[in-house]
């Protein structure tokens, strides 16, 4: 009987979910969080995306190198207050919610304060570092405009009481709090802009090639950190793909373990749309708020693993094919300044040898109404169950098409690893379907050892970025370097000298 049911099971993917910090006993059955008694590096990740605005507090045990989520506060970005008279609207979310510097700063301030208050932590005394990021890039004209948004995020942090020194690298090891100095290598290595052993992709003109570049960097770092909870060695070369509302991520190069320069290069970028595509589909059903509802409202972001898996029916396949005739996934043409409504410098990417892989629906999301109509048809004639299956298969196929393009460019060697984060890749049955698709492609001898799904990737990445900026390394648990290779600390020290 077991053998019979085994035929219907799919391989179980590596899925990393954020664990709470351990507790330690104080006698008489009393428990307190470990971060109250053990040296912890506490980082606030402040993210304003098109769908949600989050403050996620992560704590890294400096003795073990393990990171935990202490608390998170999440609000819907569509609920940001409306602009007041005299305020300049400088952007909008993907669904058209207008934003000003003041409204962004106030939302960040309130979210940051609430997150710390709920956790019983002090911004002034307990918080060690803050990292800000945003995916709200749809209404911008060029990648460099993201700087204004990041400044608004920083202002919100200052309004919440975050000292400026907790948002920038220290000048020296002596400038760190005493609890961190013991674990820092800042007197031996210099922070040169590399995060998790990867140099950022700056084009020949010195400007960023895609507006949400920092999100891609954080996602990559976060997946590398999440991999430490698994047996997957997620070091270079790797593909990190963030399936939030918009798409971001990186492809990193292989590195000769004996090379003097130990850092990988960024050889590819992902950009465009991700969760916005299933969002547009569900808005046609009438089950979510018109114009602003999301698939997150309907299905949540939890992954489903195990149990009897369903074979894809012809009806689901038909809708999947229909939607993917609209979805455009390819190398971004050099004459494009937006792809999936995300500002890009595609010509600079070509000049710099960077493969910019984009995902769109029509041209700059002009097929959104077509997706609404397909969603309406699915739900009206076949119900929510079929809608759920279509969404899972559509998103998984998007992920697999991105991998296919990268593989076609020669960017998926046999020693590469592929990691996903973001609701449109890790929720529902999507991880199972993606893993099965990678198996079918024969890219790796053992795909289970190369594929990873991580939640809260940006928050994990913020924690790791903070550690990199403060040189809080853990040589026995390396994150930099190449798959199967040693820690690169010794080579970094040599370069510094």
Protein backbone atom coordinates (compact mmCIF):
# COMPACT_ATOMS: atom_id res chain seq x y z
CA UNK A 1 0.00 0.00 0.00
CA UNK A 2 2.84 2.40 0.84
CA UNK A 3 4.49 1.74 -2.52
CA UNK A 4 1.17 2.50 -4.22
CA UNK A 5 0.85 5.91 -2.56
CA UNK A 6 4.54 6.69 -3.11
CA UNK A 7 3.79 6.97 -6.82
CA UNK A 8 1.70 10.06 -6.12
CA UNK A 9 4.25 11.82 -3.92
CA UNK A 10 6.53 14.57 -5.17
CA UNK A 11 10.08 15.20 -3.94
CA UNK A 12 10.14 17.28 -0.79
CA UNK A 13 11.93 20.61 -1.35
CA UNK A 14 14.30 22.33 1.06
CA UNK A 15 12.11 25.02 2.64
CA UNK A 16 13.53 27.25 5.38
CA UNK A 17 11.06 29.00 7.66
CA UNK A 18 12.11 31.63 10.17
CA UNK A 19 12.54 30.08 13.63
CA UNK A 20 12.04 32.08 16.83
CA UNK A 21 15.08 32.58 19.08
CA UNK A 22 15.75 29.80 21.59
CA UNK A 23 14.94 30.34 25.24
CA UNK A 24 17.15 29.68 28.24
CA UNK A 25 16.08 28.65 31.73
CA UNK A 26 16.42 30.84 34.81
CA UNK A 27 15.42 28.24 37.34
CA UNK A 28 12.01 27.39 38.78
CA UNK A 29 10.65 26.90 35.27
CA UNK A 30 11.30 30.49 34.19
CA UNK A 31 12.40 31.03 30.62
CA UNK A 32 13.74 34.06 28.79
CA UNK A 33 14.84 34.61 25.18
CA UNK A 34 18.43 33.68 24.50
CA UNK A 35 19.19 37.17 23.16
CA UNK A 36 18.73 38.51 26.70
CA UNK A 37 21.74 36.60 28.02
CA UNK A 38 23.92 35.67 25.02
CA UNK A 39 25.76 38.12 22.69
CA UNK A 40 23.33 38.83 19.85
CA UNK A 41 23.57 41.14 16.85
CA UNK A 42 20.07 42.59 16.45
CA UNK A 43 19.16 44.11 13.08
CA UNK A 44 15.97 45.80 11.92
CA UNK A 45 15.10 45.23 8.28
CA UNK A 46 12.79 48.03 7.12
CA UNK A 47 11.18 47.16 3.80
CA UNK A 48 8.51 49.08 1.92
CA UNK A 49 7.27 47.04 -1.00
CA UNK A 50 4.39 47.36 -3.42
CA UNK A 51 2.24 45.03 -1.31
CA UNK A 52 3.54 45.10 2.26
CA UNK A 53 5.62 47.32 4.52
CA UNK A 54 7.58 45.37 7.11
CA UNK A 55 9.88 45.82 10.01
CA UNK A 56 11.49 42.49 10.83
CA UNK A 57 13.84 42.19 13.79
CA UNK A 58 16.45 39.49 13.37
CA UNK A 59 18.94 38.40 15.97
CA UNK A 60 22.18 36.59 15.18
CA UNK A 61 23.80 34.55 17.92
CA UNK A 62 27.39 35.69 17.54
CA UNK A 63 28.70 32.52 19.17
CA UNK A 64 26.98 30.16 16.69
CA UNK A 65 26.33 32.41 13.69
CA UNK A 66 22.67 31.34 13.58
CA UNK A 67 20.02 34.00 12.87
CA UNK A 68 16.46 34.09 14.20
CA UNK A 69 13.41 36.27 13.70
CA UNK A 70 12.66 38.04 16.98
CA UNK A 71 9.56 39.88 15.83
CA UNK A 72 7.91 41.28 12.73
CA UNK A 73 5.36 44.03 12.08
CA UNK A 74 3.61 43.95 8.73
CA UNK A 75 1.17 46.43 7.20
CA UNK A 76 -0.27 46.78 3.71
CA UNK A 77 1.50 49.44 1.65
CA UNK A 78 -1.82 50.35 0.02
CA UNK A 79 -2.90 51.68 3.44
CA UNK A 80 -0.20 54.36 3.54
CA UNK A 81 -1.84 57.69 4.32
CA UNK A 82 -2.87 59.93 1.43
CA UNK A 83 -0.67 62.91 0.54
CA UNK A 84 -1.35 66.08 2.51
CA UNK A 85 -1.63 69.51 0.99
CA UNK A 86 1.77 70.87 0.04
CA UNK A 87 3.47 67.47 -0.11
CA UNK A 88 5.11 66.39 -3.36
CA UNK A 89 4.04 63.01 -4.72
CA UNK A 90 7.27 61.39 -5.92
CA UNK A 91 6.13 57.86 -6.60
CA UNK A 92 3.41 55.25 -6.42
CA UNK A 93 3.04 51.56 -5.69
CA UNK A 94 2.38 49.12 -8.51
CA UNK A 95 -1.38 49.45 -7.91
CA UNK A 96 -1.22 53.25 -8.05
CA UNK A 97 -1.21 54.26 -4.37
CA UNK A 98 0.47 57.71 -4.30
CA UNK A 99 3.33 58.26 -1.87
CA UNK A 100 5.29 61.23 -0.60
CA UNK A 101 8.54 61.45 1.33
CA UNK A 102 6.58 62.43 4.42
CA UNK A 103 4.05 59.60 4.19
CA UNK A 104 6.80 57.02 3.65
CA UNK A 105 8.80 58.37 6.59
CA UNK A 106 5.78 58.29 8.90
CA UNK A 107 4.83 54.75 7.89
CA UNK A 108 8.39 53.56 8.49
CA UNK A 109 8.54 55.37 11.84
CA UNK A 110 5.30 53.83 13.08
CA UNK A 111 6.18 50.32 11.86
CA UNK A 112 9.64 50.45 13.42
CA UNK A 113 8.36 51.69 16.79
CA UNK A 114 5.54 49.11 16.89
CA UNK A 115 7.89 46.22 16.08
CA UNK A 116 10.26 47.11 18.91
CA UNK A 117 7.46 47.82 21.37
CA UNK A 118 5.78 44.47 20.69
CA UNK A 119 9.12 42.71 21.20
CA UNK A 120 9.88 44.60 24.41
CA UNK A 121 13.09 45.99 22.93
CA UNK A 122 14.56 49.48 22.93
CA UNK A 123 15.58 51.14 19.66
CA UNK A 124 18.30 53.10 21.46
CA UNK A 125 19.66 50.34 23.70
CA UNK A 126 18.98 46.95 22.06
CA UNK A 127 19.04 47.62 18.32
CA UNK A 128 22.48 47.31 16.69
CA UNK A 129 21.84 48.11 13.04
CA UNK A 130 19.16 49.06 10.50
CA UNK A 131 18.99 48.19 6.80
CA UNK A 132 16.42 49.85 4.53
CA UNK A 133 15.14 48.63 1.17
CA UNK A 134 12.23 49.13 -1.19
CA UNK A 135 10.62 47.45 -4.19
CA UNK A 136 8.39 50.44 -4.96
CA UNK A 137 9.99 51.32 -8.28
CA UNK A 138 7.11 51.17 -10.77
CA UNK A 139 6.47 54.92 -11.05
CA UNK A 140 10.14 55.90 -11.31
CA UNK A 141 11.80 57.05 -14.49
CA UNK A 142 15.29 55.67 -13.87
CA UNK A 143 17.19 53.52 -11.36
CA UNK A 144 18.96 56.48 -9.73
CA UNK A 145 15.63 57.84 -8.42
CA UNK A 146 15.60 55.06 -5.85
CA UNK A 147 17.96 57.24 -3.79
CA UNK A 148 15.14 59.64 -2.88
CA UNK A 149 13.05 56.76 -1.61
CA UNK A 150 15.88 55.34 0.47
CA UNK A 151 16.38 58.78 2.00
CA UNK A 152 12.69 58.83 3.00
CA UNK A 153 13.15 55.41 4.60
CA UNK A 154 16.22 56.68 6.46
CA UNK A 155 14.32 59.73 7.67
CA UNK A 156 11.60 57.46 9.07
CA UNK A 157 14.26 55.55 10.98
CA UNK A 158 15.65 58.78 12.42
CA UNK A 159 12.12 59.88 13.41
CA UNK A 160 11.74 56.59 15.27
CA UNK A 161 14.86 57.36 17.30
CA UNK A 162 17.48 55.28 15.45
CA UNK A 163 20.93 56.88 15.88
CA UNK A 164 22.67 57.60 12.53
CA UNK A 165 25.65 55.44 13.53
CA UNK A 166 23.35 52.40 13.46
CA UNK A 167 22.77 52.85 9.73
CA UNK A 168 26.38 53.13 8.49
CA UNK A 169 29.57 51.02 8.80
CA UNK A 170 31.84 51.93 11.75
CA UNK A 171 35.07 53.80 11.15
CA UNK A 172 37.00 51.26 13.22
CA UNK A 173 36.54 48.26 15.49
CA UNK A 174 36.78 50.55 18.52
CA UNK A 175 33.62 52.36 17.37
CA UNK A 176 31.58 49.19 17.84
CA UNK A 177 29.67 48.43 21.06
CA UNK A 178 31.79 46.35 23.45
CA UNK A 179 29.58 43.26 23.02
CA UNK A 180 30.37 43.20 19.27
CA UNK A 181 34.09 43.99 19.32
CA UNK A 182 35.03 40.48 20.43
CA UNK A 183 33.42 39.00 17.32
CA UNK A 184 34.49 41.59 14.73
CA UNK A 185 37.35 41.26 12.26
CA UNK A 186 37.22 44.98 11.42
CA UNK A 187 40.86 45.37 12.51
CA UNK A 188 41.95 42.71 10.01
CA UNK A 189 39.70 43.23 6.96
CA UNK A 190 38.14 46.24 5.27
CA UNK A 191 34.51 46.40 4.17
CA UNK A 192 34.79 47.15 0.44
CA UNK A 193 31.14 46.88 -0.58
CA UNK A 194 31.01 43.12 -1.03
CA UNK A 195 28.17 41.29 0.69
CA UNK A 196 28.28 37.52 1.20
CA UNK A 197 31.36 37.24 -0.98
CA UNK A 198 29.90 38.98 -4.05
CA UNK A 199 30.81 42.29 -5.66
CA UNK A 200 27.89 44.46 -6.82
CA UNK A 201 27.21 44.95 -10.54
CA UNK A 202 28.13 48.56 -11.31
CA UNK A 203 28.06 49.41 -15.01
CA UNK A 204 30.64 51.25 -17.03
CA UNK A 205 28.91 54.56 -16.25
CA UNK A 206 29.01 53.92 -12.50
CA UNK A 207 25.21 53.76 -12.14
CA UNK A 208 22.99 50.89 -11.11
CA UNK A 209 21.46 48.93 -13.95
CA UNK A 210 18.17 48.08 -12.27
CA UNK A 211 16.16 50.14 -9.78
CA UNK A 212 15.69 47.43 -7.17
CA UNK A 213 19.33 46.39 -7.16
CA UNK A 214 19.58 46.55 -3.36
CA UNK A 215 16.64 44.17 -2.96
CA UNK A 216 18.43 41.71 -5.22
CA UNK A 217 21.55 42.00 -3.09
CA UNK A 218 19.60 41.44 0.14
CA UNK A 219 17.70 38.48 -1.33
CA UNK A 220 20.95 36.83 -2.36
CA UNK A 221 22.46 37.37 1.09
CA UNK A 222 19.29 36.18 2.81
CA UNK A 223 19.15 32.94 0.86
CA UNK A 224 22.82 32.32 1.64
CA UNK A 225 22.03 32.78 5.34
CA UNK A 226 18.92 30.60 5.16
CA UNK A 227 20.93 27.80 3.57
CA UNK A 228 22.84 27.44 6.83
CA UNK A 229 19.72 25.77 8.23
CA UNK A 230 19.94 23.07 5.55
CA UNK A 231 22.54 20.76 4.02
CA UNK A 232 22.64 22.87 0.83
CA UNK A 233 25.98 24.63 0.29
CA UNK A 234 24.56 27.83 -1.21
CA UNK A 235 27.78 29.59 -2.06
CA UNK A 236 29.07 30.84 -5.39
CA UNK A 237 28.16 30.26 -8.14
CA UNK A 238 24.48 30.75 -7.41
CA UNK A 239 21.18 32.13 -8.66
CA UNK A 240 19.04 33.97 -6.13
CA UNK A 241 15.50 34.86 -7.21
CA UNK A 242 13.10 37.00 -5.17
CA UNK A 243 9.46 36.52 -6.18
CA UNK A 244 7.86 39.40 -4.30
CA UNK A 245 5.38 41.65 -6.09
CA UNK A 246 8.26 42.67 -8.33
CA UNK A 247 11.11 40.42 -9.38
CA UNK A 248 14.70 40.85 -8.28
CA UNK A 249 17.75 38.73 -7.74
CA UNK A 250 21.27 37.96 -8.88
CA UNK A 251 23.42 35.42 -10.63
CA UNK A 252 26.97 35.12 -9.31
CA UNK A 253 30.07 33.74 -10.98
CA UNK A 254 32.24 30.79 -10.08
CA UNK A 255 35.58 31.61 -8.48
CA UNK A 256 38.83 29.66 -8.58
CA UNK A 257 39.37 28.61 -4.92
CA UNK A 258 43.05 29.55 -5.33
CA UNK A 259 42.41 32.95 -6.92
CA UNK A 260 43.99 35.90 -5.09
CA UNK A 261 40.76 37.89 -5.40
CA UNK A 262 38.23 35.70 -3.56
CA UNK A 263 34.97 37.48 -4.45
CA UNK A 264 32.46 36.39 -7.06
CA UNK A 265 31.23 38.80 -9.71
CA UNK A 266 27.58 39.52 -10.37
CA UNK A 267 27.04 38.18 -13.90
CA UNK A 268 23.25 38.37 -14.04
CA UNK A 269 20.29 40.32 -12.71
CA UNK A 270 16.58 39.52 -12.51
CA UNK A 271 13.99 42.28 -12.86
CA UNK A 272 10.35 42.97 -13.72
CA UNK A 273 7.20 41.36 -12.36
CA UNK A 274 6.64 38.36 -10.10
CA UNK A 275 3.74 38.34 -7.61
CA UNK A 276 2.07 41.14 -9.57
CA UNK A 277 1.03 38.56 -12.18
CA UNK A 278 -0.98 36.26 -9.84
CA UNK A 279 -2.27 39.43 -8.15
CA UNK A 280 -3.74 40.59 -11.46
CA UNK A 281 -5.33 37.18 -11.99
CA UNK A 282 -7.10 37.12 -8.61
CA UNK A 283 -8.37 40.70 -9.00
CA UNK A 284 -10.60 39.45 -11.77
CA UNK A 285 -12.41 37.08 -9.41
CA UNK A 286 -14.12 39.70 -7.24
CA UNK A 287 -12.76 37.92 -4.15
CA UNK A 288 -10.28 40.70 -3.30
CA UNK A 289 -10.33 44.48 -3.22
CA UNK A 290 -10.81 45.87 -6.70
CA UNK A 291 -7.63 47.36 -8.13
CA UNK A 292 -5.57 46.73 -4.97
CA UNK A 293 -6.24 43.18 -3.81
CA UNK A 294 -3.48 40.57 -3.98
CA UNK A 295 -3.04 36.82 -4.11
CA UNK A 296 -1.60 37.19 -0.61
CA UNK A 297 -5.05 38.28 0.61
CA UNK A 298 -6.60 35.14 -0.83
CA UNK A 299 -4.05 32.37 -0.32
CA UNK A 300 -1.58 33.59 2.33
CA UNK A 301 2.14 32.87 2.03
CA UNK A 302 2.55 29.47 3.67
CA UNK A 303 4.02 26.63 1.66
CA UNK A 304 2.25 23.26 1.39
CA UNK A 305 4.40 20.16 1.40
CA UNK A 306 3.51 16.50 1.63
CA UNK A 307 0.27 14.60 1.29
CA UNK A 308 -1.05 13.27 -1.97
CA UNK A 309 -0.15 15.55 -4.84
CA UNK A 310 -2.55 16.16 -7.69
CA UNK A 311 -1.70 15.51 -11.28
CA UNK A 312 -2.12 18.64 -13.37
CA UNK A 313 -5.38 18.40 -15.28
CA UNK A 314 -5.86 19.43 -18.89
CA UNK A 315 -8.04 22.30 -17.75
CA UNK A 316 -5.33 23.71 -15.47
CA UNK A 317 -2.74 23.25 -18.24
CA UNK A 318 -4.97 25.12 -20.69
CA UNK A 319 -5.26 28.16 -18.42
CA UNK A 320 -1.55 28.00 -17.59
CA UNK A 321 -0.66 28.05 -21.30
CA UNK A 322 -3.10 30.90 -21.93
CA UNK A 323 -1.49 33.04 -19.22
CA UNK A 324 2.05 32.22 -20.33
CA UNK A 325 1.27 33.43 -23.83
CA UNK A 326 1.00 36.84 -22.13
CA UNK A 327 3.99 36.47 -19.79
CA UNK A 328 7.20 37.70 -21.44
CA UNK A 329 10.43 36.26 -20.01
CA UNK A 330 13.72 36.92 -21.79
CA UNK A 331 16.96 38.90 -21.83
CA UNK A 332 15.89 42.54 -21.61
CA UNK A 333 16.49 44.25 -24.99
CA UNK A 334 19.21 46.92 -24.88
CA UNK A 335 16.85 49.72 -25.90
CA UNK A 336 14.48 49.23 -22.96
CA UNK A 337 14.33 51.75 -20.08
CA UNK A 338 11.57 49.85 -18.25
CA UNK A 339 10.74 46.15 -18.16
CA UNK A 340 7.74 45.02 -16.16
CA UNK A 341 7.51 48.70 -15.15
CA UNK A 342 10.85 48.47 -13.34
CA UNK A 343 13.38 51.12 -14.46
CA UNK A 344 16.46 49.55 -16.05
CA UNK A 345 19.61 50.55 -17.92
CA UNK A 346 19.59 47.59 -20.28
CA UNK A 347 22.20 49.06 -22.64
CA UNK A 348 24.68 49.44 -19.78
CA UNK A 349 24.01 45.83 -18.76
CA UNK A 350 24.89 44.69 -22.29
CA UNK A 351 28.06 46.82 -22.32
CA UNK A 352 29.07 45.42 -18.92
CA UNK A 353 28.46 41.79 -19.84
CA UNK A 354 25.61 41.42 -17.36
CA UNK A 355 22.69 39.17 -18.34
CA UNK A 356 19.58 41.13 -17.38
CA UNK A 357 16.68 38.65 -17.32
CA UNK A 358 13.23 40.22 -17.15
CA UNK A 359 9.64 39.12 -16.60
CA UNK A 360 6.69 41.14 -17.91
CA UNK A 361 3.04 40.72 -18.87
CA UNK A 362 2.63 42.35 -22.24
CA UNK A 363 4.75 45.50 -22.42
CA UNK A 364 5.27 47.14 -19.03
CA UNK A 365 2.27 45.30 -17.58
CA UNK A 366 -0.19 46.55 -20.20
CA UNK A 367 -1.72 43.05 -20.27
CA UNK A 368 -2.96 43.41 -16.70
CA UNK A 369 -6.59 43.64 -17.86
CA UNK A 370 -6.18 40.41 -19.86
CA UNK A 371 -5.01 38.64 -16.70
CA UNK A 372 -8.05 40.04 -14.82
CA UNK A 373 -10.35 38.54 -17.43
CA UNK A 374 -8.68 35.13 -17.31
CA UNK A 375 -8.98 35.12 -13.51
CA UNK A 376 -12.67 36.02 -13.82
CA UNK A 377 -13.22 33.12 -16.23
CA UNK A 378 -11.40 30.60 -14.03
CA UNK A 379 -13.26 31.47 -10.84
CA UNK A 380 -16.70 31.93 -12.40
CA UNK A 381 -16.67 28.66 -14.34
CA UNK A 382 -14.38 26.40 -12.30
CA UNK A 383 -14.16 27.73 -8.74
CA UNK A 384 -11.44 28.56 -6.27
CA UNK A 385 -9.80 25.13 -6.27
CA UNK A 386 -8.89 25.33 -9.95
CA UNK A 387 -7.82 28.96 -9.46
CA UNK A 388 -5.42 27.88 -6.72
CA UNK A 389 -3.89 25.20 -8.93
CA UNK A 390 -3.52 27.57 -11.88
CA UNK A 391 -1.78 30.18 -9.73
CA UNK A 392 0.70 27.62 -8.38
CA UNK A 393 1.54 26.25 -11.83
CA UNK A 394 1.75 29.69 -13.46
CA UNK A 395 4.21 30.99 -10.84
CA UNK A 396 6.29 27.81 -10.90
CA UNK A 397 6.51 27.98 -14.68
CA UNK A 398 7.64 31.62 -14.44
CA UNK A 399 10.46 30.50 -12.14
CA UNK A 400 11.44 27.67 -14.46
CA UNK A 401 11.43 29.93 -17.51
CA UNK A 402 13.80 32.31 -15.70
CA UNK A 403 16.12 29.36 -15.04
CA UNK A 404 15.84 28.28 -18.68
CA UNK A 405 16.95 31.72 -19.90
CA UNK A 406 19.88 31.74 -17.46
CA UNK A 407 20.87 28.22 -18.53
CA UNK A 408 20.67 29.30 -22.18
CA UNK A 409 23.20 32.03 -21.36
CA UNK A 410 25.54 29.46 -19.81
CA UNK A 411 24.97 30.80 -16.28
CA UNK A 412 23.85 27.58 -14.56
CA UNK A 413 26.95 25.37 -14.24
CA UNK A 414 26.76 21.97 -12.60
CA UNK A 415 28.15 23.34 -9.32
CA UNK A 416 25.58 26.17 -9.11
CA UNK A 417 22.79 26.44 -6.55
CA UNK A 418 19.39 28.08 -7.08
CA UNK A 419 17.51 29.78 -4.26
CA UNK A 420 14.07 31.36 -4.08
CA UNK A 421 12.41 33.73 -1.67
CA UNK A 422 9.22 35.80 -1.92
CA UNK A 423 5.56 34.85 -1.68
CA UNK A 424 5.06 34.03 -5.38
CA UNK A 425 7.69 31.26 -5.24
CA UNK A 426 7.50 29.78 -1.75
CA UNK A 427 3.75 29.66 -1.06
CA UNK A 428 1.32 26.85 -1.81
CA UNK A 429 2.61 23.95 -3.91
CA UNK A 430 4.99 26.12 -5.92
CA UNK A 431 8.22 24.77 -4.33
CA UNK A 432 7.26 21.17 -5.15
CA UNK A 433 6.41 22.05 -8.75
CA UNK A 434 9.60 24.08 -9.23
CA UNK A 435 11.78 21.31 -7.81
CA UNK A 436 10.09 18.76 -10.06
CA UNK A 437 10.70 21.02 -13.07
CA UNK A 438 14.39 21.37 -12.24
CA UNK A 439 14.63 17.60 -11.94
CA UNK A 440 13.12 17.20 -15.40
CA UNK A 441 15.68 19.61 -16.87
CA UNK A 442 18.63 17.52 -15.70
CA UNK A 443 20.72 20.51 -14.66
CA UNK A 444 22.13 18.74 -11.59
CA UNK A 445 22.92 15.16 -10.63
CA UNK A 446 21.11 15.64 -7.32
CA UNK A 447 18.73 18.65 -7.56
CA UNK A 448 17.70 18.32 -3.90
CA UNK A 449 21.22 19.42 -2.96
CA UNK A 450 21.09 22.51 -5.21
CA UNK A 451 17.58 23.99 -4.78
CA UNK A 452 16.43 26.02 -1.79
CA UNK A 453 13.36 28.02 -0.71
CA UNK A 454 13.73 30.61 2.07
CA UNK A 455 11.14 32.83 3.75
CA UNK A 456 11.89 36.38 4.93
CA UNK A 457 14.81 36.54 2.54
CA UNK A 458 15.18 40.32 2.67
CA UNK A 459 15.20 40.39 6.48
CA UNK A 460 17.78 37.60 6.62
CA UNK A 461 19.79 39.49 4.02
CA UNK A 462 19.62 42.66 6.09
CA UNK A 463 21.04 40.79 9.07
CA UNK A 464 23.85 39.40 6.94
CA UNK A 465 24.55 42.76 5.30
CA UNK A 466 24.87 44.29 8.77
CA UNK A 467 27.32 41.58 9.74
CA UNK A 468 29.36 42.22 6.58
CA UNK A 469 29.48 45.97 7.22
CA UNK A 470 30.67 45.38 10.79
CA UNK A 471 32.96 42.48 9.75
CA UNK A 472 31.22 40.06 12.11
CA UNK A 473 32.51 36.91 10.44
CA UNK A 474 32.18 33.25 11.39
CA UNK A 475 35.08 31.48 9.63
CA UNK A 476 33.94 28.02 10.73
CA UNK A 477 30.52 28.63 9.11
CA UNK A 478 31.54 30.53 5.94
CA UNK A 479 29.00 32.26 3.72
CA UNK A 480 31.50 33.76 1.28
CA UNK A 481 33.61 31.65 -1.04
CA UNK A 482 32.67 28.92 -3.48
CA UNK A 483 30.56 25.81 -3.09
CA UNK A 484 32.63 23.15 -1.37
CA UNK A 485 35.52 25.57 -0.81
CA UNK A 486 37.12 26.99 2.34
CA UNK A 487 36.46 30.28 4.11
CA UNK A 488 37.92 33.28 2.29
CA UNK A 489 38.90 35.20 5.43
CA UNK A 490 42.63 34.50 5.05
CA UNK A 491 42.67 35.83 1.50
CA UNK A 492 40.70 38.92 2.56
CA UNK A 493 43.25 39.63 5.29
CA UNK A 494 46.08 39.22 2.77
CA UNK A 495 44.43 41.67 0.39
CA UNK A 496 43.97 44.15 3.23
CA UNK A 497 47.68 44.06 4.01
